[in-house]
């Protein structure tokens, strides 16, 4: 059995008196929204707004890894002129376009927009 380095005096079955704040995530991610995002959200359907709020909750708590683990978001890296940005699906039509700055634990949301299937 490997020694527990975080709780060296812990024995199985023993009650631990640890303050609540110890269990909070050490690295909570911040989310910045570009000023145009608020305008883009004005005409957005209510179910998409709710999914975006859920997306923000997951992003803040779990970071990019948490978003990739949830299959419904279909989180993926973008190519071309949006190289360096990522996209998450909020519905069949809507996407949130963002980039991650890991050193600052920061998401920068730049667009919430209907997905365009035409290229050109």
PDB file of N, CA and C in Angstrom:
ATOM      1  N   UNK A   1       0.841  -1.184   0.000  1.00  0.00           N
ATOM      2  CA  UNK A   1       0.000   0.000   0.000  1.00  0.00           C
ATOM      3  C   UNK A   1       0.880   1.240   0.000  1.00  0.00           C
ATOM      4  N   UNK A   2       0.580   2.177  -0.898  1.00  0.00           N
ATOM      5  CA  UNK A   2       1.377   3.385  -1.034  1.00  0.00           C
ATOM      6  C   UNK A   2       0.961   4.413   0.016  1.00  0.00           C
ATOM      7  N   UNK A   3       1.937   5.082   0.580  1.00  0.00           N
ATOM      8  CA  UNK A   3       1.658   6.096   1.597  1.00  0.00           C
ATOM      9  C   UNK A   3       0.965   7.299   0.961  1.00  0.00           C
ATOM     10  N   UNK A   4       0.015   7.861   1.661  1.00  0.00           N
ATOM     11  CA  UNK A   4      -0.698   9.035   1.194  1.00  0.00           C
ATOM     12  C   UNK A   4       0.117  10.271   1.554  1.00  0.00           C
ATOM     13  N   UNK A   5       0.632  10.965   0.558  1.00  0.00           N
ATOM     14  CA  UNK A   5       1.485  12.121   0.825  1.00  0.00           C
ATOM     15  C   UNK A   5       0.685  13.358   1.208  1.00  0.00           C
ATOM     16  N   UNK A   6      -0.594  13.433   0.796  1.00  0.00           N
ATOM     17  CA  UNK A   6      -1.401  14.592   1.159  1.00  0.00           C
ATOM     18  C   UNK A   6      -1.877  14.527   2.603  1.00  0.00           C
ATOM     19  N   UNK A   7      -2.209  13.354   3.053  1.00  0.00           N
ATOM     20  CA  UNK A   7      -2.701  13.156   4.416  1.00  0.00           C
ATOM     21  C   UNK A   7      -1.878  12.060   5.088  1.00  0.00           C
ATOM     22  N   UNK A   8      -0.647  12.367   5.502  1.00  0.00           N
ATOM     23  CA  UNK A   8       0.241  11.323   6.010  1.00  0.00           C
ATOM     24  C   UNK A   8      -0.258  10.634   7.274  1.00  0.00           C
ATOM     25  N   UNK A   9      -1.081  11.313   8.084  1.00  0.00           N
ATOM     26  CA  UNK A   9      -1.527  10.690   9.328  1.00  0.00           C
ATOM     27  C   UNK A   9      -2.891  10.013   9.186  1.00  0.00           C
ATOM     28  N   UNK A  10      -3.448   9.978   7.997  1.00  0.00           N
ATOM     29  CA  UNK A  10      -4.767   9.395   7.780  1.00  0.00           C
ATOM     30  C   UNK A  10      -4.709   7.874   7.802  1.00  0.00           C
ATOM     31  N   UNK A  11      -5.670   7.286   8.518  1.00  0.00           N
ATOM     32  CA  UNK A  11      -5.850   5.836   8.516  1.00  0.00           C
ATOM     33  C   UNK A  11      -7.274   5.560   8.038  1.00  0.00           C
ATOM     34  N   UNK A  12      -7.491   4.516   7.225  1.00  0.00           N
ATOM     35  CA  UNK A  12      -8.839   4.209   6.742  1.00  0.00           C
ATOM     36  C   UNK A  12      -9.836   4.119   7.895  1.00  0.00           C
ATOM     37  N   UNK A  13     -11.015   4.731   7.693  1.00  0.00           N
ATOM     38  CA  UNK A  13     -12.049   4.714   8.706  1.00  0.00           C
ATOM     39  C   UNK A  13     -11.946   5.863   9.689  1.00  0.00           C
ATOM     40  N   UNK A  14     -10.886   6.625   9.638  1.00  0.00           N
ATOM     41  CA  UNK A  14     -10.680   7.735  10.559  1.00  0.00           C
ATOM     42  C   UNK A  14     -11.428   8.965  10.047  1.00  0.00           C
ATOM     43  N   UNK A  15     -12.057   9.726  10.946  1.00  0.00           N
ATOM     44  CA  UNK A  15     -12.752  10.951  10.577  1.00  0.00           C
ATOM     45  C   UNK A  15     -11.729  12.061  10.382  1.00  0.00           C
ATOM     46  N   UNK A  16     -11.884  12.808   9.297  1.00  0.00           N
ATOM     47  CA  UNK A  16     -10.964  13.911   9.021  1.00  0.00           C
ATOM     48  C   UNK A  16     -11.663  15.240   9.247  1.00  0.00           C
ATOM     49  N   UNK A  17     -11.035  16.121   9.983  1.00  0.00           N
ATOM     50  CA  UNK A  17     -11.567  17.454  10.219  1.00  0.00           C
ATOM     51  C   UNK A  17     -10.812  18.431   9.320  1.00  0.00           C
ATOM     52  N   UNK A  18     -11.278  18.532   8.068  1.00  0.00           N
ATOM     53  CA  UNK A  18     -10.614  19.374   7.085  1.00  0.00           C
ATOM     54  C   UNK A  18     -11.567  20.506   6.726  1.00  0.00           C
ATOM     55  N   UNK A  19     -11.091  21.745   6.712  1.00  0.00           N
ATOM     56  CA  UNK A  19     -11.967  22.866   6.357  1.00  0.00           C
ATOM     57  C   UNK A  19     -12.566  22.691   4.963  1.00  0.00           C
ATOM     58  N   UNK A  20     -13.780  23.210   4.763  1.00  0.00           N
ATOM     59  CA  UNK A  20     -14.491  23.069   3.499  1.00  0.00           C
ATOM     60  C   UNK A  20     -13.683  23.600   2.328  1.00  0.00           C
ATOM     61  N   UNK A  21     -13.005  24.741   2.508  1.00  0.00           N
ATOM     62  CA  UNK A  21     -12.304  25.357   1.388  1.00  0.00           C
ATOM     63  C   UNK A  21     -11.201  24.473   0.817  1.00  0.00           C
ATOM     64  N   UNK A  22     -10.757  23.494   1.573  1.00  0.00           N
ATOM     65  CA  UNK A  22      -9.732  22.575   1.088  1.00  0.00           C
ATOM     66  C   UNK A  22     -10.238  21.789  -0.116  1.00  0.00           C
ATOM     67  N   UNK A  23     -11.539  21.554  -0.178  1.00  0.00           N
ATOM     68  CA  UNK A  23     -12.095  20.723  -1.242  1.00  0.00           C
ATOM     69  C   UNK A  23     -12.485  21.520  -2.481  1.00  0.00           C
ATOM     70  N   UNK A  24     -12.371  22.840  -2.430  1.00  0.00           N
ATOM     71  CA  UNK A  24     -12.669  23.638  -3.613  1.00  0.00           C
ATOM     72  C   UNK A  24     -11.561  23.471  -4.640  1.00  0.00           C
ATOM     73  N   UNK A  25     -11.881  23.581  -5.915  1.00  0.00           N
ATOM     74  CA  UNK A  25     -10.834  23.463  -6.932  1.00  0.00           C
ATOM     75  C   UNK A  25      -9.771  24.537  -6.733  1.00  0.00           C
ATOM     76  N   UNK A  26      -8.526  24.147  -6.874  1.00  0.00           N
ATOM     77  CA  UNK A  26      -7.423  25.086  -6.687  1.00  0.00           C
ATOM     78  C   UNK A  26      -7.308  26.035  -7.871  1.00  0.00           C
ATOM     79  N   UNK A  27      -7.726  25.593  -9.028  1.00  0.00           N
ATOM     80  CA  UNK A  27      -7.512  26.365 -10.239  1.00  0.00           C
ATOM     81  C   UNK A  27      -8.843  26.583 -10.947  1.00  0.00           C
ATOM     82  N   UNK A  28      -9.612  27.576 -10.499  1.00  0.00           N
ATOM     83  CA  UNK A  28     -10.886  27.879 -11.129  1.00  0.00           C
ATOM     84  C   UNK A  28     -10.608  28.724 -12.367  1.00  0.00           C
ATOM     85  N   UNK A  29     -11.192  28.329 -13.477  1.00  0.00           N
ATOM     86  CA  UNK A  29     -10.973  29.016 -14.746  1.00  0.00           C
ATOM     87  C   UNK A  29     -11.869  30.248 -14.836  1.00  0.00           C
ATOM     88  N   UNK A  30     -11.334  31.322 -15.374  1.00  0.00           N
ATOM     89  CA  UNK A  30     -12.089  32.553 -15.599  1.00  0.00           C
ATOM     90  C   UNK A  30     -12.606  32.555 -17.040  1.00  0.00           C
ATOM     91  N   UNK A  31     -13.729  33.237 -17.257  1.00  0.00           N
ATOM     92  CA  UNK A  31     -14.308  33.316 -18.598  1.00  0.00           C
ATOM     93  C   UNK A  31     -14.507  34.785 -18.952  1.00  0.00           C
ATOM     94  N   UNK A  32     -13.839  35.224 -20.014  1.00  0.00           N
ATOM     95  CA  UNK A  32     -14.007  36.578 -20.546  1.00  0.00           C
ATOM     96  C   UNK A  32     -14.850  36.484 -21.807  1.00  0.00           C
ATOM     97  N   UNK A  33     -15.840  37.363 -21.916  1.00  0.00           N
ATOM     98  CA  UNK A  33     -16.668  37.404 -23.116  1.00  0.00           C
ATOM     99  C   UNK A  33     -16.372  38.691 -23.881  1.00  0.00           C
ATOM    100  N   UNK A  34     -16.162  38.575 -25.170  1.00  0.00           N
ATOM    101  CA  UNK A  34     -15.981  39.753 -26.018  1.00  0.00           C
ATOM    102  C   UNK A  34     -17.259  40.584 -25.958  1.00  0.00           C
ATOM    103  N   UNK A  35     -17.141  41.885 -26.160  1.00  0.00           N
ATOM    104  CA  UNK A  35     -18.317  42.760 -26.028  1.00  0.00           C
ATOM    105  C   UNK A  35     -19.427  42.421 -27.020  1.00  0.00           C
ATOM    106  N   UNK A  36     -19.094  41.818 -28.151  1.00  0.00           N
ATOM    107  CA  UNK A  36     -20.125  41.479 -29.144  1.00  0.00           C
ATOM    108  C   UNK A  36     -20.955  40.261 -28.726  1.00  0.00           C
ATOM    109  N   UNK A  37     -20.447  39.449 -27.771  1.00  0.00           N
ATOM    110  CA  UNK A  37     -21.160  38.235 -27.361  1.00  0.00           C
ATOM    111  C   UNK A  37     -22.519  38.582 -26.769  1.00  0.00           C
ATOM    112  N   UNK A  38     -22.588  39.652 -25.974  1.00  0.00           N
ATOM    113  CA  UNK A  38     -23.865  40.052 -25.380  1.00  0.00           C
ATOM    114  C   UNK A  38     -24.897  40.368 -26.466  1.00  0.00           C
ATOM    115  N   UNK A  39     -24.473  41.040 -27.525  1.00  0.00           N
ATOM    116  CA  UNK A  39     -25.376  41.347 -28.643  1.00  0.00           C
ATOM    117  C   UNK A  39     -25.798  40.073 -29.365  1.00  0.00           C
ATOM    118  N   UNK A  40     -24.865  39.136 -29.522  1.00  0.00           N
ATOM    119  CA  UNK A  40     -25.177  37.887 -30.210  1.00  0.00           C
ATOM    120  C   UNK A  40     -26.172  37.054 -29.411  1.00  0.00           C
ATOM    121  N   UNK A  41     -26.140  37.176 -28.095  1.00  0.00           N
ATOM    122  CA  UNK A  41     -27.045  36.400 -27.248  1.00  0.00           C
ATOM    123  C   UNK A  41     -28.464  36.963 -27.239  1.00  0.00           C
ATOM    124  N   UNK A  42     -28.642  38.221 -27.652  1.00  0.00           N
ATOM    125  CA  UNK A  42     -29.967  38.848 -27.615  1.00  0.00           C
ATOM    126  C   UNK A  42     -31.011  38.088 -28.421  1.00  0.00           C
ATOM    127  N   UNK A  43     -30.682  37.627 -29.605  1.00  0.00           N
ATOM    128  CA  UNK A  43     -31.657  36.933 -30.443  1.00  0.00           C
ATOM    129  C   UNK A  43     -31.583  35.422 -30.354  1.00  0.00           C
ATOM    130  N   UNK A  44     -30.852  34.920 -29.375  1.00  0.00           N
ATOM    131  CA  UNK A  44     -30.624  33.483 -29.264  1.00  0.00           C
ATOM    132  C   UNK A  44     -31.785  32.807 -28.535  1.00  0.00           C
ATOM    133  N   UNK A  45     -32.223  31.634 -28.975  1.00  0.00           N
ATOM    134  CA  UNK A  45     -33.302  30.905 -28.292  1.00  0.00           C
ATOM    135  C   UNK A  45     -32.946  30.578 -26.833  1.00  0.00           C
ATOM    136  N   UNK A  46     -33.974  30.463 -26.005  1.00  0.00           N
ATOM    137  CA  UNK A  46     -33.793  30.232 -24.575  1.00  0.00           C
ATOM    138  C   UNK A  46     -33.021  28.948 -24.284  1.00  0.00           C
ATOM    139  N   UNK A  47     -33.285  27.867 -25.017  1.00  0.00           N
ATOM    140  CA  UNK A  47     -32.576  26.612 -24.745  1.00  0.00           C
ATOM    141  C   UNK A  47     -31.077  26.747 -25.022  1.00  0.00           C
ATOM    142  N   UNK A  48     -30.700  27.557 -25.997  1.00  0.00           N
ATOM    143  CA  UNK A  48     -29.281  27.788 -26.290  1.00  0.00           C
ATOM    144  C   UNK A  48     -28.652  28.618 -25.174  1.00  0.00           C
ATOM    145  N   UNK A  49     -29.391  29.611 -24.663  1.00  0.00           N
ATOM    146  CA  UNK A  49     -28.884  30.405 -23.538  1.00  0.00           C
ATOM    147  C   UNK A  49     -28.618  29.525 -22.322  1.00  0.00           C
ATOM    148  N   UNK A  50     -29.529  28.592 -22.057  1.00  0.00           N
ATOM    149  CA  UNK A  50     -29.346  27.678 -20.921  1.00  0.00           C
ATOM    150  C   UNK A  50     -28.138  26.774 -21.131  1.00  0.00           C
ATOM    151  N   UNK A  51     -27.959  26.281 -22.350  1.00  0.00           N
ATOM    152  CA  UNK A  51     -26.791  25.429 -22.639  1.00  0.00           C
ATOM    153  C   UNK A  51     -25.492  26.219 -22.528  1.00  0.00           C
ATOM    154  N   UNK A  52     -25.524  27.487 -22.926  1.00  0.00           N
ATOM    155  CA  UNK A  52     -24.331  28.323 -22.802  1.00  0.00           C
ATOM    156  C   UNK A  52     -23.981  28.541 -21.328  1.00  0.00           C
ATOM    157  N   UNK A  53     -24.983  28.773 -20.497  1.00  0.00           N
ATOM    158  CA  UNK A  53     -24.727  28.922 -19.055  1.00  0.00           C
ATOM    159  C   UNK A  53     -24.137  27.637 -18.476  1.00  0.00           C
ATOM    160  N   UNK A  54     -24.645  26.498 -18.900  1.00  0.00           N
ATOM    161  CA  UNK A  54     -24.098  25.210 -18.458  1.00  0.00           C
ATOM    162  C   UNK A  54     -22.666  25.045 -18.961  1.00  0.00           C
ATOM    163  N   UNK A  55     -22.415  25.436 -20.210  1.00  0.00           N
ATOM    164  CA  UNK A  55     -21.065  25.377 -20.782  1.00  0.00           C
ATOM    165  C   UNK A  55     -20.107  26.200 -19.931  1.00  0.00           C
ATOM    166  N   UNK A  56     -20.543  27.418 -19.535  1.00  0.00           N
ATOM    167  CA  UNK A  56     -19.685  28.280 -18.715  1.00  0.00           C
ATOM    168  C   UNK A  56     -19.414  27.653 -17.352  1.00  0.00           C
ATOM    169  N   UNK A  57     -20.418  27.030 -16.747  1.00  0.00           N
ATOM    170  CA  UNK A  57     -20.221  26.358 -15.456  1.00  0.00           C
ATOM    171  C   UNK A  57     -19.176  25.258 -15.572  1.00  0.00           C
ATOM    172  N   UNK A  58     -19.306  24.427 -16.587  1.00  0.00           N
ATOM    173  CA  UNK A  58     -18.364  23.314 -16.776  1.00  0.00           C
ATOM    174  C   UNK A  58     -16.973  23.843 -17.078  1.00  0.00           C
ATOM    175  N   UNK A  59     -16.882  24.863 -17.927  1.00  0.00           N
ATOM    176  CA  UNK A  59     -15.579  25.439 -18.279  1.00  0.00           C
ATOM    177  C   UNK A  59     -14.893  26.027 -17.050  1.00  0.00           C
ATOM    178  N   UNK A  60     -15.637  26.725 -16.206  1.00  0.00           N
ATOM    179  CA  UNK A  60     -15.046  27.354 -15.024  1.00  0.00           C
ATOM    180  C   UNK A  60     -14.551  26.324 -14.020  1.00  0.00           C
ATOM    181  N   UNK A  61     -15.273  25.229 -13.877  1.00  0.00           N
ATOM    182  CA  UNK A  61     -14.909  24.224 -12.875  1.00  0.00           C
ATOM    183  C   UNK A  61     -13.889  23.229 -13.405  1.00  0.00           C
ATOM    184  N   UNK A  62     -14.099  22.733 -14.619  1.00  0.00           N
ATOM    185  CA  UNK A  62     -13.278  21.632 -15.137  1.00  0.00           C
ATOM    186  C   UNK A  62     -12.243  22.044 -16.170  1.00  0.00           C
ATOM    187  N   UNK A  63     -12.344  23.253 -16.693  1.00  0.00           N
ATOM    188  CA  UNK A  63     -11.391  23.695 -17.702  1.00  0.00           C
ATOM    189  C   UNK A  63     -11.610  23.005 -19.038  1.00  0.00           C
ATOM    190  N   UNK A  64     -10.643  23.120 -19.935  1.00  0.00           N
ATOM    191  CA  UNK A  64     -10.783  22.543 -21.274  1.00  0.00           C
ATOM    192  C   UNK A  64     -10.966  21.029 -21.269  1.00  0.00           C
ATOM    193  N   UNK A  65     -10.344  20.359 -20.320  1.00  0.00           N
ATOM    194  CA  UNK A  65     -10.461  18.902 -20.242  1.00  0.00           C
ATOM    195  C   UNK A  65     -11.902  18.484 -19.992  1.00  0.00           C
ATOM    196  N   UNK A  66     -12.586  19.186 -19.105  1.00  0.00           N
ATOM    197  CA  UNK A  66     -13.976  18.873 -18.809  1.00  0.00           C
ATOM    198  C   UNK A  66     -14.875  19.040 -20.020  1.00  0.00           C
ATOM    199  N   UNK A  67     -14.611  20.067 -20.831  1.00  0.00           N
ATOM    200  CA  UNK A  67     -15.417  20.283 -22.038  1.00  0.00           C
ATOM    201  C   UNK A  67     -15.198  19.173 -23.051  1.00  0.00           C
ATOM    202  N   UNK A  68     -13.965  18.699 -23.161  1.00  0.00           N
ATOM    203  CA  UNK A  68     -13.672  17.632 -24.129  1.00  0.00           C
ATOM    204  C   UNK A  68     -14.285  16.303 -23.707  1.00  0.00           C
ATOM    205  N   UNK A  69     -14.476  16.110 -22.415  1.00  0.00           N
ATOM    206  CA  UNK A  69     -15.031  14.847 -21.922  1.00  0.00           C
ATOM    207  C   UNK A  69     -16.529  14.727 -22.178  1.00  0.00           C
ATOM    208  N   UNK A  70     -17.215  15.841 -22.351  1.00  0.00           N
ATOM    209  CA  UNK A  70     -18.661  15.806 -22.575  1.00  0.00           C
ATOM    210  C   UNK A  70     -18.909  15.735 -24.077  1.00  0.00           C
ATOM    211  N   UNK A  71     -19.346  14.575 -24.532  1.00  0.00           N
ATOM    212  CA  UNK A  71     -19.489  14.303 -25.965  1.00  0.00           C
ATOM    213  C   UNK A  71     -20.482  15.238 -26.649  1.00  0.00           C
ATOM    214  N   UNK A  72     -21.517  15.673 -25.944  1.00  0.00           N
ATOM    215  CA  UNK A  72     -22.543  16.523 -26.543  1.00  0.00           C
ATOM    216  C   UNK A  72     -22.029  17.864 -27.028  1.00  0.00           C
ATOM    217  N   UNK A  73     -20.937  18.345 -26.457  1.00  0.00           N
ATOM    218  CA  UNK A  73     -20.373  19.622 -26.892  1.00  0.00           C
ATOM    219  C   UNK A  73     -19.567  19.492 -28.180  1.00  0.00           C
ATOM    220  N   UNK A  74     -19.123  18.300 -28.523  1.00  0.00           N
ATOM    221  CA  UNK A  74     -18.295  18.077 -29.720  1.00  0.00           C
ATOM    222  C   UNK A  74     -17.190  19.128 -29.802  1.00  0.00           C
ATOM    223  N   UNK A  75     -16.493  19.317 -28.690  1.00  0.00           N
ATOM    224  CA  UNK A  75     -15.443  20.330 -28.596  1.00  0.00           C
ATOM    225  C   UNK A  75     -14.293  19.967 -29.524  1.00  0.00           C
ATOM    226  N   UNK A  76     -13.874  20.923 -30.361  1.00  0.00           N
ATOM    227  CA  UNK A  76     -12.815  20.633 -31.326  1.00  0.00           C
ATOM    228  C   UNK A  76     -11.998  21.880 -31.628  1.00  0.00           C
ATOM    229  N   UNK A  77     -10.759  21.648 -32.040  1.00  0.00           N
ATOM    230  CA  UNK A  77      -9.886  22.736 -32.471  1.00  0.00           C
ATOM    231  C   UNK A  77     -10.316  23.197 -33.855  1.00  0.00           C
ATOM    232  N   UNK A  78     -10.163  24.485 -34.116  1.00  0.00           N
ATOM    233  CA  UNK A  78     -10.521  25.041 -35.413  1.00  0.00           C
ATOM    234  C   UNK A  78      -9.276  25.233 -36.272  1.00  0.00           C
ATOM    235  N   UNK A  79      -9.489  25.326 -37.567  1.00  0.00           N
ATOM    236  CA  UNK A  79      -8.390  25.449 -38.527  1.00  0.00           C
ATOM    237  C   UNK A  79      -8.586  26.701 -39.367  1.00  0.00           C
ATOM    238  N   UNK A  80      -7.622  26.984 -40.213  1.00  0.00           N
ATOM    239  CA  UNK A  80      -7.728  28.121 -41.123  1.00  0.00           C
ATOM    240  C   UNK A  80      -7.551  29.434 -40.396  1.00  0.00           C
ATOM    241  N   UNK A  81      -8.417  30.409 -40.720  1.00  0.00           N
ATOM    242  CA  UNK A  81      -8.267  31.731 -40.116  1.00  0.00           C
ATOM    243  C   UNK A  81      -8.579  31.735 -38.622  1.00  0.00           C
ATOM    244  N   UNK A  82      -9.228  30.703 -38.117  1.00  0.00           N
ATOM    245  CA  UNK A  82      -9.506  30.596 -36.682  1.00  0.00           C
ATOM    246  C   UNK A  82      -8.564  29.613 -35.985  1.00  0.00           C
ATOM    247  N   UNK A  83      -7.404  29.378 -36.579  1.00  0.00           N
ATOM    248  CA  UNK A  83      -6.402  28.500 -35.958  1.00  0.00           C
ATOM    249  C   UNK A  83      -6.048  29.045 -34.573  1.00  0.00           C
ATOM    250  N   UNK A  84      -6.024  28.162 -33.583  1.00  0.00           N
ATOM    251  CA  UNK A  84      -5.748  28.570 -32.209  1.00  0.00           C
ATOM    252  C   UNK A  84      -7.013  28.725 -31.380  1.00  0.00           C
ATOM    253  N   UNK A  85      -8.158  28.692 -32.040  1.00  0.00           N
ATOM    254  CA  UNK A  85      -9.445  28.785 -31.354  1.00  0.00           C
ATOM    255  C   UNK A  85     -10.090  27.406 -31.315  1.00  0.00           C
ATOM    256  N   UNK A  86     -11.114  27.272 -30.466  1.00  0.00           N
ATOM    257  CA  UNK A  86     -11.852  26.021 -30.340  1.00  0.00           C
ATOM    258  C   UNK A  86     -13.335  26.312 -30.510  1.00  0.00           C
ATOM    259  N   UNK A  87     -14.096  25.260 -30.786  1.00  0.00           N
ATOM    260  CA  UNK A  87     -15.531  25.374 -30.973  1.00  0.00           C
ATOM    261  C   UNK A  87     -16.226  24.309 -30.132  1.00  0.00           C
ATOM    262  N   UNK A  88     -17.300  24.713 -29.462  1.00  0.00           N
ATOM    263  CA  UNK A  88     -18.154  23.762 -28.747  1.00  0.00           C
ATOM    264  C   UNK A  88     -19.572  23.928 -29.265  1.00  0.00           C
ATOM    265  N   UNK A  89     -20.259  22.817 -29.433  1.00  0.00           N
ATOM    266  CA  UNK A  89     -21.624  22.819 -29.950  1.00  0.00           C
ATOM    267  C   UNK A  89     -22.600  23.088 -28.803  1.00  0.00           C
ATOM    268  N   UNK A  90     -23.473  24.078 -29.004  1.00  0.00           N
ATOM    269  CA  UNK A  90     -24.515  24.375 -28.021  1.00  0.00           C
ATOM    270  C   UNK A  90     -25.862  23.822 -28.461  1.00  0.00           C
ATOM    271  N   UNK A  91     -25.941  23.362 -29.664  1.00  0.00           N
ATOM    272  CA  UNK A  91     -27.154  22.798 -30.238  1.00  0.00           C
ATOM    273  C   UNK A  91     -26.814  22.373 -31.653  1.00  0.00           C
ATOM    274  N   UNK A  92     -27.830  21.958 -32.411  1.00  0.00           N
ATOM    275  CA  UNK A  92     -27.571  21.529 -33.783  1.00  0.00           C
ATOM    276  C   UNK A  92     -27.041  22.684 -34.624  1.00  0.00           C
ATOM    277  N   UNK A  93     -27.413  23.901 -34.287  1.00  0.00           N
ATOM    278  CA  UNK A  93     -27.063  25.052 -35.102  1.00  0.00           C
ATOM    279  C   UNK A  93     -26.023  25.973 -34.458  1.00  0.00           C
ATOM    280  N   UNK A  94     -26.077  26.169 -33.156  1.00  0.00           N
ATOM    281  CA  UNK A  94     -25.254  27.186 -32.492  1.00  0.00           C
ATOM    282  C   UNK A  94     -23.930  26.641 -31.978  1.00  0.00           C
ATOM    283  N   UNK A  95     -22.890  27.500 -32.076  1.00  0.00           N
ATOM    284  CA  UNK A  95     -21.552  27.170 -31.596  1.00  0.00           C
ATOM    285  C   UNK A  95     -21.032  28.310 -30.729  1.00  0.00           C
ATOM    286  N   UNK A  96     -20.205  27.954 -29.750  1.00  0.00           N
ATOM    287  CA  UNK A  96     -19.444  28.957 -29.010  1.00  0.00           C
ATOM    288  C   UNK A  96     -18.002  28.832 -29.496  1.00  0.00           C
ATOM    289  N   UNK A  97     -17.427  29.940 -29.928  1.00  0.00           N
ATOM    290  CA  UNK A  97     -16.054  29.986 -30.425  1.00  0.00           C
ATOM    291  C   UNK A  97     -15.222  30.669 -29.346  1.00  0.00           C
ATOM    292  N   UNK A  98     -14.139  30.026 -28.946  1.00  0.00           N
ATOM    293  CA  UNK A  98     -13.340  30.547 -27.838  1.00  0.00           C
ATOM    294  C   UNK A  98     -11.891  30.128 -27.996  1.00  0.00           C
ATOM    295  N   UNK A  99     -11.040  30.734 -27.195  1.00  0.00           N
ATOM    296  CA  UNK A  99      -9.658  30.272 -27.104  1.00  0.00           C
ATOM    297  C   UNK A  99      -9.293  30.146 -25.638  1.00  0.00           C
ATOM    298  N   UNK A 100      -8.301  29.313 -25.386  1.00  0.00           N
ATOM    299  CA  UNK A 100      -7.867  29.014 -24.024  1.00  0.00           C
ATOM    300  C   UNK A 100      -6.479  29.603 -23.818  1.00  0.00           C
ATOM    301  N   UNK A 101      -6.300  30.270 -22.695  1.00  0.00           N
ATOM    302  CA  UNK A 101      -4.983  30.768 -22.298  1.00  0.00           C
ATOM    303  C   UNK A 101      -4.629  30.038 -21.004  1.00  0.00           C
ATOM    304  N   UNK A 102      -3.915  28.896 -21.109  1.00  0.00           N
ATOM    305  CA  UNK A 102      -3.692  28.033 -19.953  1.00  0.00           C
ATOM    306  C   UNK A 102      -2.882  28.670 -18.830  1.00  0.00           C
ATOM    307  N   UNK A 103      -1.882  29.464 -19.142  1.00  0.00           N
ATOM    308  CA  UNK A 103      -1.051  30.063 -18.098  1.00  0.00           C
ATOM    309  C   UNK A 103      -1.831  30.979 -17.174  1.00  0.00           C
ATOM    310  N   UNK A 104      -2.941  31.513 -17.667  1.00  0.00           N
ATOM    311  CA  UNK A 104      -3.780  32.412 -16.875  1.00  0.00           C
ATOM    312  C   UNK A 104      -5.089  31.752 -16.450  1.00  0.00           C
ATOM    313  N   UNK A 105      -5.280  30.481 -16.784  1.00  0.00           N
ATOM    314  CA  UNK A 105      -6.540  29.770 -16.521  1.00  0.00           C
ATOM    315  C   UNK A 105      -7.720  30.603 -17.024  1.00  0.00           C
ATOM    316  N   UNK A 106      -7.686  30.909 -18.310  1.00  0.00           N
ATOM    317  CA  UNK A 106      -8.634  31.850 -18.880  1.00  0.00           C
ATOM    318  C   UNK A 106      -9.239  31.319 -20.180  1.00  0.00           C
ATOM    319  N   UNK A 107     -10.569  31.471 -20.305  1.00  0.00           N
ATOM    320  CA  UNK A 107     -11.285  31.243 -21.554  1.00  0.00           C
ATOM    321  C   UNK A 107     -11.649  32.616 -22.107  1.00  0.00           C
ATOM    322  N   UNK A 108     -11.413  32.833 -23.387  1.00  0.00           N
ATOM    323  CA  UNK A 108     -11.856  34.056 -24.045  1.00  0.00           C
ATOM    324  C   UNK A 108     -12.894  33.676 -25.096  1.00  0.00           C
ATOM    325  N   UNK A 109     -14.150  33.990 -24.814  1.00  0.00           N
ATOM    326  CA  UNK A 109     -15.246  33.688 -25.738  1.00  0.00           C
ATOM    327  C   UNK A 109     -15.347  34.840 -26.732  1.00  0.00           C
ATOM    328  N   UNK A 110     -15.265  34.518 -28.032  1.00  0.00           N
ATOM    329  CA  UNK A 110     -15.291  35.567 -29.056  1.00  0.00           C
ATOM    330  C   UNK A 110     -16.586  35.579 -29.867  1.00  0.00           C
ATOM    331  N   UNK A 111     -17.258  34.448 -30.018  1.00  0.00           N
ATOM    332  CA  UNK A 111     -18.504  34.384 -30.798  1.00  0.00           C
ATOM    333  C   UNK A 111     -19.435  33.334 -30.202  1.00  0.00           C
ATOM    334  N   UNK A 112     -20.720  33.623 -30.284  1.00  0.00           N
ATOM    335  CA  UNK A 112     -21.758  32.598 -30.128  1.00  0.00           C
ATOM    336  C   UNK A 112     -22.653  32.819 -31.333  1.00  0.00           C
ATOM    337  N   UNK A 113     -22.605  31.880 -32.242  1.00  0.00           N
ATOM    338  CA  UNK A 113     -23.207  32.135 -33.539  1.00  0.00           C
ATOM    339  C   UNK A 113     -23.777  30.867 -34.155  1.00  0.00           C
ATOM    340  N   UNK A 114     -24.766  31.019 -35.046  1.00  0.00           N
ATOM    341  CA  UNK A 114     -25.218  29.849 -35.800  1.00  0.00           C
ATOM    342  C   UNK A 114     -24.075  29.323 -36.656  1.00  0.00           C
ATOM    343  N   UNK A 115     -23.955  28.027 -36.721  1.00  0.00           N
ATOM    344  CA  UNK A 115     -22.888  27.388 -37.492  1.00  0.00           C
ATOM    345  C   UNK A 115     -23.167  27.573 -38.972  1.00  0.00           C
ATOM    346  N   UNK A 116     -22.162  27.988 -39.721  1.00  0.00           N
ATOM    347  CA  UNK A 116     -22.315  28.158 -41.165  1.00  0.00           C
ATOM    348  C   UNK A 116     -21.781  26.921 -41.864  1.00  0.00           C
ATOM    349  N   UNK A 117     -22.630  26.278 -42.633  1.00  0.00           N
ATOM    350  CA  UNK A 117     -22.231  25.069 -43.339  1.00  0.00           C
ATOM    351  C   UNK A 117     -21.648  25.383 -44.713  1.00  0.00           C
ATOM    352  N   UNK A 118     -21.892  26.595 -45.206  1.00  0.00           N
ATOM    353  CA  UNK A 118     -21.329  27.005 -46.495  1.00  0.00           C
ATOM    354  C   UNK A 118     -19.933  27.559 -46.281  1.00  0.00           C
ATOM    355  N   UNK A 119     -19.067  27.288 -47.217  1.00  0.00           N
ATOM    356  CA  UNK A 119     -17.720  27.864 -47.173  1.00  0.00           C
ATOM    357  C   UNK A 119     -17.510  28.666 -48.440  1.00  0.00           C
ATOM    358  N   UNK A 120     -16.736  29.709 -48.297  1.00  0.00           N
ATOM    359  CA  UNK A 120     -16.446  30.428 -49.518  1.00  0.00           C
ATOM    360  C   UNK A 120     -16.264  31.863 -49.352  1.00  0.00           C
TER     361      UNK A 120
END
